[in-house]
Protein backbone atom coordinates (compact mmCIF):
# COMPACT_ATOMS: atom_id res chain seq x y z
CA UNK A 1 0.00 0.00 0.00
CA UNK A 2 1.27 3.48 -0.87
CA UNK A 3 0.33 6.40 1.37
CA UNK A 4 -0.09 9.65 -0.54
CA UNK A 5 2.59 12.36 -0.10
CA UNK A 6 4.91 10.08 1.88
CA UNK A 7 8.44 10.10 0.39
CA UNK A 8 9.92 6.75 -0.62
CA UNK A 9 12.20 4.89 1.80
CA UNK A 10 14.47 3.59 -0.96
CA UNK A 11 16.09 5.73 -3.63
CA UNK A 12 15.99 5.02 -7.36
CA UNK A 13 19.57 3.68 -7.17
CA UNK A 14 18.58 1.21 -4.42
CA UNK A 15 20.30 3.00 -1.54
CA UNK A 16 18.67 3.88 1.75
CA UNK A 17 18.34 7.64 2.42
CA UNK A 18 21.29 7.62 4.87
CA UNK A 19 23.54 5.35 2.78
CA UNK A 20 26.80 6.46 1.15
CA UNK A 21 27.82 5.18 -2.24
CA UNK A 22 30.54 2.50 -1.98
CA UNK A 23 33.79 4.30 -1.07
CA UNK A 24 37.34 3.01 -1.47
CA UNK A 25 40.89 4.38 -1.38
CA UNK A 26 43.96 3.03 -3.16
CA UNK A 27 47.28 4.34 -1.82
CA UNK A 28 50.52 4.86 -3.71
CA UNK A 29 49.04 5.15 -7.19
CA UNK A 30 51.69 7.67 -8.33
CA UNK A 31 55.31 6.58 -7.97
CA UNK A 32 56.90 10.03 -7.63
CA UNK A 33 54.40 11.77 -5.36
CA UNK A 34 55.16 12.08 -1.65
CA UNK A 35 51.62 10.83 -1.01
CA UNK A 36 48.90 9.72 -3.41
CA UNK A 37 45.59 7.92 -3.53
CA UNK A 38 42.71 7.19 -5.85
CA UNK A 39 39.30 7.64 -4.26
CA UNK A 40 36.26 5.93 -5.70
CA UNK A 41 32.87 7.11 -4.53
CA UNK A 42 30.33 5.16 -6.50
CA UNK A 43 31.07 6.00 -10.12
CA UNK A 44 32.99 9.17 -9.21
CA UNK A 45 36.75 8.65 -9.26
CA UNK A 46 39.46 11.18 -8.37
CA UNK A 47 43.26 10.88 -8.40
CA UNK A 48 44.83 12.84 -5.52
CA UNK A 49 48.57 13.50 -5.12
CA UNK A 50 50.44 15.48 -2.45
CA UNK A 51 53.77 17.20 -3.13
CA UNK A 52 56.00 18.63 -0.39
CA UNK A 53 58.38 21.40 -1.48
CA UNK A 54 60.85 23.61 0.37
CA UNK A 55 59.28 26.85 -0.77
CA UNK A 56 56.43 29.12 0.28
CA UNK A 57 54.38 31.96 -1.21
CA UNK A 58 56.16 35.35 -1.16
CA UNK A 59 53.92 36.79 1.56
CA UNK A 60 55.02 34.04 3.99
CA UNK A 61 58.78 34.28 3.47
CA UNK A 62 60.64 34.80 6.71
CA UNK A 63 57.66 33.91 8.89
CA UNK A 64 58.66 30.30 9.51
CA UNK A 65 55.12 29.27 8.55
CA UNK A 66 54.17 26.79 5.88
CA UNK A 67 51.30 26.57 3.41
CA UNK A 68 48.87 23.99 2.03
CA UNK A 69 47.21 24.58 -1.32
CA UNK A 70 45.37 22.58 -3.97
CA UNK A 71 44.72 22.35 -7.68
CA UNK A 72 41.66 20.71 -9.26
CA UNK A 73 40.93 19.62 -12.81
CA UNK A 74 38.54 17.38 -14.72
CA UNK A 75 39.97 15.13 -17.42
CA UNK A 76 38.31 15.63 -20.81
CA UNK A 77 36.34 12.37 -20.77
CA UNK A 78 35.50 12.33 -17.08
CA UNK A 79 32.05 13.49 -18.21
CA UNK A 80 29.42 12.18 -20.62
CA UNK A 81 30.55 14.67 -23.26
CA UNK A 82 34.16 15.74 -23.73
CA UNK A 83 35.18 18.71 -21.59
CA UNK A 84 37.87 20.91 -23.12
CA UNK A 85 41.03 21.24 -21.04
CA UNK A 86 41.23 24.62 -19.34
CA UNK A 87 44.89 24.86 -20.32
CA UNK A 88 43.71 24.99 -23.94
CA UNK A 89 41.23 27.73 -23.10
CA UNK A 90 44.06 29.71 -21.54
CA UNK A 91 42.29 30.41 -18.25
CA UNK A 92 40.87 28.64 -15.21
CA UNK A 93 37.07 28.70 -15.02
CA UNK A 94 35.19 30.14 -12.08
CA UNK A 95 33.95 26.74 -10.92
CA UNK A 96 37.46 25.27 -10.94
CA UNK A 97 38.86 28.26 -9.06
CA UNK A 98 36.12 27.98 -6.43
CA UNK A 99 36.64 24.24 -5.92
CA UNK A 100 40.42 24.34 -5.62
CA UNK A 101 40.23 27.19 -3.12
CA UNK A 102 37.73 25.13 -1.10
CA UNK A 103 40.01 22.07 -1.14
CA UNK A 104 42.96 24.19 0.00
CA UNK A 105 40.98 25.80 2.84
CA UNK A 106 39.71 22.43 3.97
CA UNK A 107 43.17 20.84 4.12
CA UNK A 108 44.86 23.84 5.76
CA UNK A 109 42.42 23.57 8.64
CA UNK A 110 43.86 20.23 9.78
CA UNK A 111 47.59 20.93 9.37
CA UNK A 112 49.79 22.73 11.91
CA UNK A 113 51.21 25.30 9.49
CA UNK A 114 53.43 26.92 12.12
CA UNK A 115 55.28 23.63 12.72
CA UNK A 116 55.39 22.75 9.04
CA UNK A 117 58.13 25.33 8.57
CA UNK A 118 58.72 27.15 5.31
CA UNK A 119 57.34 24.36 3.14
CA UNK A 120 54.38 24.14 0.79
CA UNK A 121 52.22 21.05 0.36
CA UNK A 122 50.31 21.05 -2.90
CA UNK A 123 47.49 18.56 -3.34
CA UNK A 124 46.51 17.91 -6.96
CA UNK A 125 43.02 16.49 -7.52
CA UNK A 126 42.26 15.21 -11.02
CA UNK A 127 38.80 13.88 -11.76
CA UNK A 128 39.05 10.67 -13.76
CA UNK A 129 35.30 10.04 -13.82
CA UNK A 130 32.47 12.29 -12.66
CA UNK A 131 29.08 11.15 -11.40
CA UNK A 132 28.32 13.82 -8.81
CA UNK A 133 30.30 14.84 -5.74
CA UNK A 134 33.66 15.53 -7.39
CA UNK A 135 34.50 18.34 -4.95
CA UNK A 136 33.53 16.30 -1.89
CA UNK A 137 35.50 13.30 -3.16
CA UNK A 138 38.50 15.56 -3.86
CA UNK A 139 38.51 16.87 -0.29
CA UNK A 140 38.06 13.42 1.25
CA UNK A 141 40.70 11.81 -0.98
CA UNK A 142 42.95 14.87 -0.85
CA UNK A 143 43.17 14.48 2.91
CA UNK A 144 44.27 10.86 2.53
CA UNK A 145 47.01 11.84 0.04
CA UNK A 146 48.15 14.67 2.34
CA UNK A 147 48.16 12.48 5.43
CA UNK A 148 49.99 9.69 3.58
CA UNK A 149 52.74 12.15 2.63
CA UNK A 150 53.16 13.43 6.19
CA UNK A 151 53.10 9.94 7.69
CA UNK A 152 55.63 8.63 5.15
CA UNK A 153 58.04 11.49 5.79
CA UNK A 154 57.82 11.36 9.59
CA UNK A 155 55.64 14.45 10.00
CA UNK A 156 52.39 12.88 11.18
CA UNK A 157 52.55 15.09 14.28
CA UNK A 158 51.57 18.03 12.05
CA UNK A 159 48.11 16.56 11.46
CA UNK A 160 45.60 18.25 13.76
CA UNK A 161 42.70 16.02 12.76
CA UNK A 162 40.81 14.65 9.78
CA UNK A 163 38.69 16.46 7.21
CA UNK A 164 36.15 15.04 4.78
CA UNK A 165 33.20 16.28 2.75
CA UNK A 166 29.83 14.91 1.72
CA UNK A 167 26.72 16.08 -0.10
CA UNK A 168 23.19 15.96 1.25
CA UNK A 169 19.96 17.11 -0.31
CA UNK A 170 16.23 16.81 -0.70
CA UNK A 171 15.16 14.77 -3.72
CA UNK A 172 11.50 14.00 -4.37
CA UNK A 173 10.72 15.20 -0.86
CA UNK A 174 13.24 12.82 0.73
CA UNK A 175 16.36 13.93 2.64
CA UNK A 176 19.24 11.88 1.22
CA UNK A 177 22.97 11.44 1.74
CA UNK A 178 25.71 11.54 -0.92
CA UNK A 179 23.92 12.53 -4.13
CA UNK A 180 25.00 11.07 -7.45
CA UNK A 181 24.62 13.10 -10.64
CA UNK A 182 21.07 11.93 -11.39
CA UNK A 183 19.92 12.99 -7.92
CA UNK A 184 21.93 16.20 -7.84
CA UNK A 185 20.53 17.35 -11.19
CA UNK A 186 16.94 17.27 -9.89
CA UNK A 187 17.42 18.02 -6.17
CA UNK A 188 15.06 20.49 -4.56
CA UNK A 189 17.77 21.39 -2.03
CA UNK A 190 21.47 20.66 -2.44
CA UNK A 191 24.09 20.97 0.34
CA UNK A 192 27.84 20.34 0.42
CA UNK A 193 29.20 19.91 3.94
CA UNK A 194 32.91 19.97 4.79
CA UNK A 195 33.64 18.90 8.35
CA UNK A 196 36.38 17.74 10.70
CA UNK A 197 36.43 14.79 13.06
CA UNK A 198 36.33 17.31 15.93
CA UNK A 199 32.75 18.13 14.97
CA UNK A 200 33.57 21.50 13.43
CA UNK A 201 32.82 22.69 9.89
CA UNK A 202 34.96 24.28 7.20
CA UNK A 203 32.08 25.10 4.88
CA UNK A 204 28.33 24.67 4.63
CA UNK A 205 27.15 25.39 1.12
CA UNK A 206 23.41 25.04 0.59
CA UNK A 207 21.11 26.02 -2.24
CA UNK A 208 17.39 25.79 -2.88
CA UNK A 209 16.68 25.05 -6.52
CA UNK A 210 13.01 25.97 -6.19
CA UNK A 211 11.06 26.45 -2.99
CA UNK A 212 13.11 27.99 -0.12
CA UNK A 213 13.92 25.67 2.79
CA UNK A 214 13.49 26.28 6.51
CA UNK A 215 15.71 25.84 9.57
CA UNK A 216 14.24 22.42 10.33
CA UNK A 217 15.38 21.20 6.90
CA UNK A 218 18.88 22.54 7.53
CA UNK A 219 19.11 20.73 10.87
CA UNK A 220 17.83 17.50 9.31
CA UNK A 221 20.36 17.70 6.48
CA UNK A 222 23.26 18.52 8.81
CA UNK A 223 22.40 15.54 11.01
CA UNK A 224 22.41 13.37 7.89
CA UNK A 225 25.73 14.84 6.73
CA UNK A 226 27.28 14.07 10.12
CA UNK A 227 26.33 10.40 9.68
CA UNK A 228 28.15 10.34 6.34
CA UNK A 229 31.18 12.24 7.63
CA UNK A 230 31.63 9.79 10.51
CA UNK A 231 31.70 6.89 8.03
CA UNK A 232 34.20 8.70 5.82
CA UNK A 233 36.49 9.44 8.78
CA UNK A 234 36.43 5.73 9.65
CA UNK A 235 37.30 4.80 6.06
CA UNK A 236 40.17 7.31 6.02
CA UNK A 237 41.52 5.93 9.29
CA UNK A 238 41.38 2.36 8.01
CA UNK A 239 43.38 3.05 4.86
CA UNK A 240 45.99 5.22 6.61
CA UNK A 241 46.49 2.58 9.32
CA UNK A 242 48.19 0.41 6.70
CA UNK A 243 51.04 2.93 6.47
CA UNK A 244 51.83 2.56 10.17
CA UNK A 245 52.12 -1.24 10.20
C-alpha atoms as a PDB file:
ATOM      1  CA  UNK A   1       0.000   0.000   0.000  1.00  0.00           C
ATOM      2  CA  UNK A   2       1.271   3.479  -0.870  1.00  0.00           C
ATOM      3  CA  UNK A   3       0.327   6.399   1.366  1.00  0.00           C
ATOM      4  CA  UNK A   4      -0.086   9.652  -0.539  1.00  0.00           C
ATOM      5  CA  UNK A   5       2.590  12.358  -0.101  1.00  0.00           C
ATOM      6  CA  UNK A   6       4.914  10.079   1.882  1.00  0.00           C
ATOM      7  CA  UNK A   7       8.443  10.097   0.388  1.00  0.00           C
ATOM      8  CA  UNK A   8       9.925   6.747  -0.620  1.00  0.00           C
ATOM      9  CA  UNK A   9      12.197   4.894   1.800  1.00  0.00           C
ATOM     10  CA  UNK A  10      14.471   3.591  -0.961  1.00  0.00           C
ATOM     11  CA  UNK A  11      16.092   5.731  -3.629  1.00  0.00           C
ATOM     12  CA  UNK A  12      15.987   5.017  -7.362  1.00  0.00           C
ATOM     13  CA  UNK A  13      19.575   3.679  -7.169  1.00  0.00           C
ATOM     14  CA  UNK A  14      18.579   1.212  -4.423  1.00  0.00           C
ATOM     15  CA  UNK A  15      20.296   2.995  -1.543  1.00  0.00           C
ATOM     16  CA  UNK A  16      18.673   3.883   1.749  1.00  0.00           C
ATOM     17  CA  UNK A  17      18.335   7.641   2.423  1.00  0.00           C
ATOM     18  CA  UNK A  18      21.294   7.617   4.866  1.00  0.00           C
ATOM     19  CA  UNK A  19      23.544   5.355   2.779  1.00  0.00           C
ATOM     20  CA  UNK A  20      26.803   6.457   1.154  1.00  0.00           C
ATOM     21  CA  UNK A  21      27.823   5.181  -2.239  1.00  0.00           C
ATOM     22  CA  UNK A  22      30.542   2.499  -1.981  1.00  0.00           C
ATOM     23  CA  UNK A  23      33.786   4.300  -1.074  1.00  0.00           C
ATOM     24  CA  UNK A  24      37.341   3.010  -1.469  1.00  0.00           C
ATOM     25  CA  UNK A  25      40.887   4.382  -1.376  1.00  0.00           C
ATOM     26  CA  UNK A  26      43.955   3.031  -3.157  1.00  0.00           C
ATOM     27  CA  UNK A  27      47.277   4.338  -1.819  1.00  0.00           C
ATOM     28  CA  UNK A  28      50.523   4.862  -3.714  1.00  0.00           C
ATOM     29  CA  UNK A  29      49.043   5.149  -7.190  1.00  0.00           C
ATOM     30  CA  UNK A  30      51.687   7.665  -8.330  1.00  0.00           C
ATOM     31  CA  UNK A  31      55.306   6.584  -7.970  1.00  0.00           C
ATOM     32  CA  UNK A  32      56.898  10.028  -7.625  1.00  0.00           C
ATOM     33  CA  UNK A  33      54.400  11.773  -5.359  1.00  0.00           C
ATOM     34  CA  UNK A  34      55.161  12.079  -1.645  1.00  0.00           C
ATOM     35  CA  UNK A  35      51.623  10.830  -1.012  1.00  0.00           C
ATOM     36  CA  UNK A  36      48.902   9.722  -3.410  1.00  0.00           C
ATOM     37  CA  UNK A  37      45.593   7.923  -3.533  1.00  0.00           C
ATOM     38  CA  UNK A  38      42.707   7.190  -5.846  1.00  0.00           C
ATOM     39  CA  UNK A  39      39.303   7.640  -4.255  1.00  0.00           C
ATOM     40  CA  UNK A  40      36.262   5.930  -5.702  1.00  0.00           C
ATOM     41  CA  UNK A  41      32.870   7.114  -4.527  1.00  0.00           C
ATOM     42  CA  UNK A  42      30.326   5.159  -6.496  1.00  0.00           C
ATOM     43  CA  UNK A  43      31.071   6.000 -10.121  1.00  0.00           C
ATOM     44  CA  UNK A  44      32.995   9.168  -9.214  1.00  0.00           C
ATOM     45  CA  UNK A  45      36.747   8.651  -9.257  1.00  0.00           C
ATOM     46  CA  UNK A  46      39.463  11.184  -8.375  1.00  0.00           C
ATOM     47  CA  UNK A  47      43.255  10.879  -8.404  1.00  0.00           C
ATOM     48  CA  UNK A  48      44.828  12.844  -5.520  1.00  0.00           C
ATOM     49  CA  UNK A  49      48.565  13.497  -5.122  1.00  0.00           C
ATOM     50  CA  UNK A  50      50.439  15.478  -2.451  1.00  0.00           C
ATOM     51  CA  UNK A  51      53.770  17.197  -3.129  1.00  0.00           C
ATOM     52  CA  UNK A  52      56.003  18.631  -0.390  1.00  0.00           C
ATOM     53  CA  UNK A  53      58.380  21.398  -1.482  1.00  0.00           C
ATOM     54  CA  UNK A  54      60.852  23.605   0.373  1.00  0.00           C
ATOM     55  CA  UNK A  55      59.280  26.851  -0.774  1.00  0.00           C
ATOM     56  CA  UNK A  56      56.425  29.117   0.281  1.00  0.00           C
ATOM     57  CA  UNK A  57      54.380  31.961  -1.209  1.00  0.00           C
ATOM     58  CA  UNK A  58      56.157  35.349  -1.162  1.00  0.00           C
ATOM     59  CA  UNK A  59      53.921  36.791   1.556  1.00  0.00           C
ATOM     60  CA  UNK A  60      55.022  34.043   3.986  1.00  0.00           C
ATOM     61  CA  UNK A  61      58.777  34.282   3.472  1.00  0.00           C
ATOM     62  CA  UNK A  62      60.643  34.805   6.713  1.00  0.00           C
ATOM     63  CA  UNK A  63      57.664  33.910   8.890  1.00  0.00           C
ATOM     64  CA  UNK A  64      58.656  30.304   9.513  1.00  0.00           C
ATOM     65  CA  UNK A  65      55.116  29.265   8.552  1.00  0.00           C
ATOM     66  CA  UNK A  66      54.171  26.786   5.876  1.00  0.00           C
ATOM     67  CA  UNK A  67      51.301  26.570   3.405  1.00  0.00           C
ATOM     68  CA  UNK A  68      48.873  23.987   2.026  1.00  0.00           C
ATOM     69  CA  UNK A  69      47.209  24.580  -1.319  1.00  0.00           C
ATOM     70  CA  UNK A  70      45.371  22.580  -3.969  1.00  0.00           C
ATOM     71  CA  UNK A  71      44.718  22.345  -7.682  1.00  0.00           C
ATOM     72  CA  UNK A  72      41.661  20.709  -9.258  1.00  0.00           C
ATOM     73  CA  UNK A  73      40.925  19.618 -12.807  1.00  0.00           C
ATOM     74  CA  UNK A  74      38.545  17.385 -14.716  1.00  0.00           C
ATOM     75  CA  UNK A  75      39.975  15.135 -17.417  1.00  0.00           C
ATOM     76  CA  UNK A  76      38.310  15.628 -20.811  1.00  0.00           C
ATOM     77  CA  UNK A  77      36.339  12.367 -20.772  1.00  0.00           C
ATOM     78  CA  UNK A  78      35.496  12.326 -17.081  1.00  0.00           C
ATOM     79  CA  UNK A  79      32.054  13.495 -18.207  1.00  0.00           C
ATOM     80  CA  UNK A  80      29.419  12.177 -20.622  1.00  0.00           C
ATOM     81  CA  UNK A  81      30.545  14.666 -23.259  1.00  0.00           C
ATOM     82  CA  UNK A  82      34.159  15.742 -23.725  1.00  0.00           C
ATOM     83  CA  UNK A  83      35.182  18.711 -21.589  1.00  0.00           C
ATOM     84  CA  UNK A  84      37.868  20.908 -23.117  1.00  0.00           C
ATOM     85  CA  UNK A  85      41.028  21.236 -21.045  1.00  0.00           C
ATOM     86  CA  UNK A  86      41.227  24.621 -19.337  1.00  0.00           C
ATOM     87  CA  UNK A  87      44.886  24.857 -20.323  1.00  0.00           C
ATOM     88  CA  UNK A  88      43.709  24.990 -23.938  1.00  0.00           C
ATOM     89  CA  UNK A  89      41.228  27.726 -23.101  1.00  0.00           C
ATOM     90  CA  UNK A  90      44.059  29.710 -21.539  1.00  0.00           C
ATOM     91  CA  UNK A  91      42.291  30.410 -18.255  1.00  0.00           C
ATOM     92  CA  UNK A  92      40.870  28.638 -15.210  1.00  0.00           C
ATOM     93  CA  UNK A  93      37.075  28.703 -15.020  1.00  0.00           C
ATOM     94  CA  UNK A  94      35.195  30.143 -12.083  1.00  0.00           C
ATOM     95  CA  UNK A  95      33.946  26.738 -10.924  1.00  0.00           C
ATOM     96  CA  UNK A  96      37.464  25.270 -10.940  1.00  0.00           C
ATOM     97  CA  UNK A  97      38.863  28.263  -9.060  1.00  0.00           C
ATOM     98  CA  UNK A  98      36.125  27.985  -6.435  1.00  0.00           C
ATOM     99  CA  UNK A  99      36.641  24.239  -5.925  1.00  0.00           C
ATOM    100  CA  UNK A 100      40.424  24.336  -5.624  1.00  0.00           C
ATOM    101  CA  UNK A 101      40.228  27.192  -3.123  1.00  0.00           C
ATOM    102  CA  UNK A 102      37.727  25.134  -1.104  1.00  0.00           C
ATOM    103  CA  UNK A 103      40.008  22.072  -1.142  1.00  0.00           C
ATOM    104  CA  UNK A 104      42.955  24.190  -0.001  1.00  0.00           C
ATOM    105  CA  UNK A 105      40.980  25.798   2.837  1.00  0.00           C
ATOM    106  CA  UNK A 106      39.707  22.427   3.966  1.00  0.00           C
ATOM    107  CA  UNK A 107      43.171  20.841   4.124  1.00  0.00           C
ATOM    108  CA  UNK A 108      44.861  23.837   5.759  1.00  0.00           C
ATOM    109  CA  UNK A 109      42.419  23.567   8.637  1.00  0.00           C
ATOM    110  CA  UNK A 110      43.855  20.230   9.776  1.00  0.00           C
ATOM    111  CA  UNK A 111      47.590  20.934   9.374  1.00  0.00           C
ATOM    112  CA  UNK A 112      49.790  22.732  11.911  1.00  0.00           C
ATOM    113  CA  UNK A 113      51.212  25.301   9.493  1.00  0.00           C
ATOM    114  CA  UNK A 114      53.433  26.919  12.121  1.00  0.00           C
ATOM    115  CA  UNK A 115      55.279  23.629  12.722  1.00  0.00           C
ATOM    116  CA  UNK A 116      55.390  22.753   9.037  1.00  0.00           C
ATOM    117  CA  UNK A 117      58.135  25.331   8.570  1.00  0.00           C
ATOM    118  CA  UNK A 118      58.724  27.145   5.306  1.00  0.00           C
ATOM    119  CA  UNK A 119      57.343  24.363   3.139  1.00  0.00           C
ATOM    120  CA  UNK A 120      54.383  24.137   0.787  1.00  0.00           C
ATOM    121  CA  UNK A 121      52.218  21.047   0.359  1.00  0.00           C
ATOM    122  CA  UNK A 122      50.306  21.048  -2.904  1.00  0.00           C
ATOM    123  CA  UNK A 123      47.493  18.558  -3.339  1.00  0.00           C
ATOM    124  CA  UNK A 124      46.506  17.907  -6.964  1.00  0.00           C
ATOM    125  CA  UNK A 125      43.022  16.494  -7.518  1.00  0.00           C
ATOM    126  CA  UNK A 126      42.265  15.213 -11.020  1.00  0.00           C
ATOM    127  CA  UNK A 127      38.799  13.882 -11.760  1.00  0.00           C
ATOM    128  CA  UNK A 128      39.046  10.673 -13.758  1.00  0.00           C
ATOM    129  CA  UNK A 129      35.295  10.038 -13.824  1.00  0.00           C
ATOM    130  CA  UNK A 130      32.465  12.288 -12.662  1.00  0.00           C
ATOM    131  CA  UNK A 131      29.077  11.147 -11.397  1.00  0.00           C
ATOM    132  CA  UNK A 132      28.318  13.818  -8.813  1.00  0.00           C
ATOM    133  CA  UNK A 133      30.299  14.840  -5.743  1.00  0.00           C
ATOM    134  CA  UNK A 134      33.656  15.534  -7.385  1.00  0.00           C
ATOM    135  CA  UNK A 135      34.495  18.336  -4.953  1.00  0.00           C
ATOM    136  CA  UNK A 136      33.527  16.298  -1.892  1.00  0.00           C
ATOM    137  CA  UNK A 137      35.498  13.298  -3.160  1.00  0.00           C
ATOM    138  CA  UNK A 138      38.497  15.561  -3.863  1.00  0.00           C
ATOM    139  CA  UNK A 139      38.509  16.870  -0.289  1.00  0.00           C
ATOM    140  CA  UNK A 140      38.056  13.418   1.248  1.00  0.00           C
ATOM    141  CA  UNK A 141      40.698  11.808  -0.984  1.00  0.00           C
ATOM    142  CA  UNK A 142      42.946  14.866  -0.853  1.00  0.00           C
ATOM    143  CA  UNK A 143      43.172  14.477   2.910  1.00  0.00           C
ATOM    144  CA  UNK A 144      44.270  10.857   2.526  1.00  0.00           C
ATOM    145  CA  UNK A 145      47.007  11.837   0.042  1.00  0.00           C
ATOM    146  CA  UNK A 146      48.155  14.667   2.337  1.00  0.00           C
ATOM    147  CA  UNK A 147      48.163  12.479   5.434  1.00  0.00           C
ATOM    148  CA  UNK A 148      49.986   9.692   3.579  1.00  0.00           C
ATOM    149  CA  UNK A 149      52.740  12.153   2.629  1.00  0.00           C
ATOM    150  CA  UNK A 150      53.158  13.433   6.187  1.00  0.00           C
ATOM    151  CA  UNK A 151      53.096   9.938   7.686  1.00  0.00           C
ATOM    152  CA  UNK A 152      55.625   8.626   5.149  1.00  0.00           C
ATOM    153  CA  UNK A 153      58.038  11.491   5.794  1.00  0.00           C
ATOM    154  CA  UNK A 154      57.822  11.357   9.586  1.00  0.00           C
ATOM    155  CA  UNK A 155      55.638  14.453   9.997  1.00  0.00           C
ATOM    156  CA  UNK A 156      52.386  12.885  11.182  1.00  0.00           C
ATOM    157  CA  UNK A 157      52.549  15.089  14.285  1.00  0.00           C
ATOM    158  CA  UNK A 158      51.574  18.028  12.053  1.00  0.00           C
ATOM    159  CA  UNK A 159      48.106  16.564  11.457  1.00  0.00           C
ATOM    160  CA  UNK A 160      45.601  18.246  13.765  1.00  0.00           C
ATOM    161  CA  UNK A 161      42.700  16.018  12.758  1.00  0.00           C
ATOM    162  CA  UNK A 162      40.810  14.648   9.784  1.00  0.00           C
ATOM    163  CA  UNK A 163      38.693  16.459   7.215  1.00  0.00           C
ATOM    164  CA  UNK A 164      36.148  15.038   4.781  1.00  0.00           C
ATOM    165  CA  UNK A 165      33.198  16.279   2.754  1.00  0.00           C
ATOM    166  CA  UNK A 166      29.828  14.915   1.721  1.00  0.00           C
ATOM    167  CA  UNK A 167      26.723  16.080  -0.099  1.00  0.00           C
ATOM    168  CA  UNK A 168      23.185  15.956   1.247  1.00  0.00           C
ATOM    169  CA  UNK A 169      19.965  17.109  -0.311  1.00  0.00           C
ATOM    170  CA  UNK A 170      16.232  16.809  -0.699  1.00  0.00           C
ATOM    171  CA  UNK A 171      15.161  14.773  -3.722  1.00  0.00           C
ATOM    172  CA  UNK A 172      11.496  13.997  -4.373  1.00  0.00           C
ATOM    173  CA  UNK A 173      10.723  15.202  -0.856  1.00  0.00           C
ATOM    174  CA  UNK A 174      13.243  12.824   0.732  1.00  0.00           C
ATOM    175  CA  UNK A 175      16.358  13.932   2.642  1.00  0.00           C
ATOM    176  CA  UNK A 176      19.244  11.878   1.218  1.00  0.00           C
ATOM    177  CA  UNK A 177      22.968  11.444   1.742  1.00  0.00           C
ATOM    178  CA  UNK A 178      25.710  11.538  -0.924  1.00  0.00           C
ATOM    179  CA  UNK A 179      23.920  12.526  -4.135  1.00  0.00           C
ATOM    180  CA  UNK A 180      24.998  11.071  -7.446  1.00  0.00           C
ATOM    181  CA  UNK A 181      24.616  13.097 -10.644  1.00  0.00           C
ATOM    182  CA  UNK A 182      21.068  11.926 -11.392  1.00  0.00           C
ATOM    183  CA  UNK A 183      19.923  12.989  -7.917  1.00  0.00           C
ATOM    184  CA  UNK A 184      21.929  16.203  -7.844  1.00  0.00           C
ATOM    185  CA  UNK A 185      20.527  17.355 -11.194  1.00  0.00           C
ATOM    186  CA  UNK A 186      16.943  17.266  -9.887  1.00  0.00           C
ATOM    187  CA  UNK A 187      17.417  18.019  -6.174  1.00  0.00           C
ATOM    188  CA  UNK A 188      15.059  20.494  -4.564  1.00  0.00           C
ATOM    189  CA  UNK A 189      17.767  21.388  -2.025  1.00  0.00           C
ATOM    190  CA  UNK A 190      21.467  20.661  -2.438  1.00  0.00           C
ATOM    191  CA  UNK A 191      24.092  20.970   0.341  1.00  0.00           C
ATOM    192  CA  UNK A 192      27.839  20.338   0.416  1.00  0.00           C
ATOM    193  CA  UNK A 193      29.199  19.907   3.940  1.00  0.00           C
ATOM    194  CA  UNK A 194      32.913  19.974   4.789  1.00  0.00           C
ATOM    195  CA  UNK A 195      33.641  18.904   8.349  1.00  0.00           C
ATOM    196  CA  UNK A 196      36.377  17.743  10.703  1.00  0.00           C
ATOM    197  CA  UNK A 197      36.426  14.789  13.062  1.00  0.00           C
ATOM    198  CA  UNK A 198      36.333  17.309  15.934  1.00  0.00           C
ATOM    199  CA  UNK A 199      32.748  18.125  14.974  1.00  0.00           C
ATOM    200  CA  UNK A 200      33.568  21.500  13.426  1.00  0.00           C
ATOM    201  CA  UNK A 201      32.818  22.691   9.894  1.00  0.00           C
ATOM    202  CA  UNK A 202      34.960  24.276   7.199  1.00  0.00           C
ATOM    203  CA  UNK A 203      32.082  25.096   4.882  1.00  0.00           C
ATOM    204  CA  UNK A 204      28.328  24.671   4.630  1.00  0.00           C
ATOM    205  CA  UNK A 205      27.146  25.394   1.116  1.00  0.00           C
ATOM    206  CA  UNK A 206      23.411  25.035   0.591  1.00  0.00           C
ATOM    207  CA  UNK A 207      21.113  26.023  -2.239  1.00  0.00           C
ATOM    208  CA  UNK A 208      17.394  25.789  -2.878  1.00  0.00           C
ATOM    209  CA  UNK A 209      16.682  25.052  -6.519  1.00  0.00           C
ATOM    210  CA  UNK A 210      13.014  25.974  -6.191  1.00  0.00           C
ATOM    211  CA  UNK A 211      11.062  26.453  -2.995  1.00  0.00           C
ATOM    212  CA  UNK A 212      13.105  27.985  -0.119  1.00  0.00           C
ATOM    213  CA  UNK A 213      13.917  25.669   2.792  1.00  0.00           C
ATOM    214  CA  UNK A 214      13.487  26.277   6.511  1.00  0.00           C
ATOM    215  CA  UNK A 215      15.706  25.841   9.575  1.00  0.00           C
ATOM    216  CA  UNK A 216      14.235  22.416  10.326  1.00  0.00           C
ATOM    217  CA  UNK A 217      15.375  21.196   6.897  1.00  0.00           C
ATOM    218  CA  UNK A 218      18.882  22.542   7.534  1.00  0.00           C
ATOM    219  CA  UNK A 219      19.108  20.729  10.872  1.00  0.00           C
ATOM    220  CA  UNK A 220      17.830  17.503   9.310  1.00  0.00           C
ATOM    221  CA  UNK A 221      20.364  17.701   6.478  1.00  0.00           C
ATOM    222  CA  UNK A 222      23.262  18.518   8.813  1.00  0.00           C
ATOM    223  CA  UNK A 223      22.402  15.536  11.010  1.00  0.00           C
ATOM    224  CA  UNK A 224      22.408  13.368   7.889  1.00  0.00           C
ATOM    225  CA  UNK A 225      25.727  14.844   6.733  1.00  0.00           C
ATOM    226  CA  UNK A 226      27.275  14.069  10.124  1.00  0.00           C
ATOM    227  CA  UNK A 227      26.330  10.400   9.675  1.00  0.00           C
ATOM    228  CA  UNK A 228      28.150  10.338   6.339  1.00  0.00           C
ATOM    229  CA  UNK A 229      31.181  12.241   7.632  1.00  0.00           C
ATOM    230  CA  UNK A 230      31.625   9.787  10.510  1.00  0.00           C
ATOM    231  CA  UNK A 231      31.699   6.894   8.033  1.00  0.00           C
ATOM    232  CA  UNK A 232      34.202   8.698   5.820  1.00  0.00           C
ATOM    233  CA  UNK A 233      36.492   9.439   8.784  1.00  0.00           C
ATOM    234  CA  UNK A 234      36.428   5.732   9.653  1.00  0.00           C
ATOM    235  CA  UNK A 235      37.298   4.797   6.063  1.00  0.00           C
ATOM    236  CA  UNK A 236      40.170   7.306   6.024  1.00  0.00           C
ATOM    237  CA  UNK A 237      41.520   5.935   9.294  1.00  0.00           C
ATOM    238  CA  UNK A 238      41.380   2.360   8.013  1.00  0.00           C
ATOM    239  CA  UNK A 239      43.381   3.048   4.857  1.00  0.00           C
ATOM    240  CA  UNK A 240      45.986   5.218   6.607  1.00  0.00           C
ATOM    241  CA  UNK A 241      46.495   2.584   9.316  1.00  0.00           C
ATOM    242  CA  UNK A 242      48.193   0.412   6.696  1.00  0.00           C
ATOM    243  CA  UNK A 243      51.045   2.934   6.469  1.00  0.00           C
ATOM    244  CA  UNK A 244      51.826   2.561  10.172  1.00  0.00           C
ATOM    245  CA  UNK A 245      52.122  -1.243  10.204  1.00  0.00           C
END
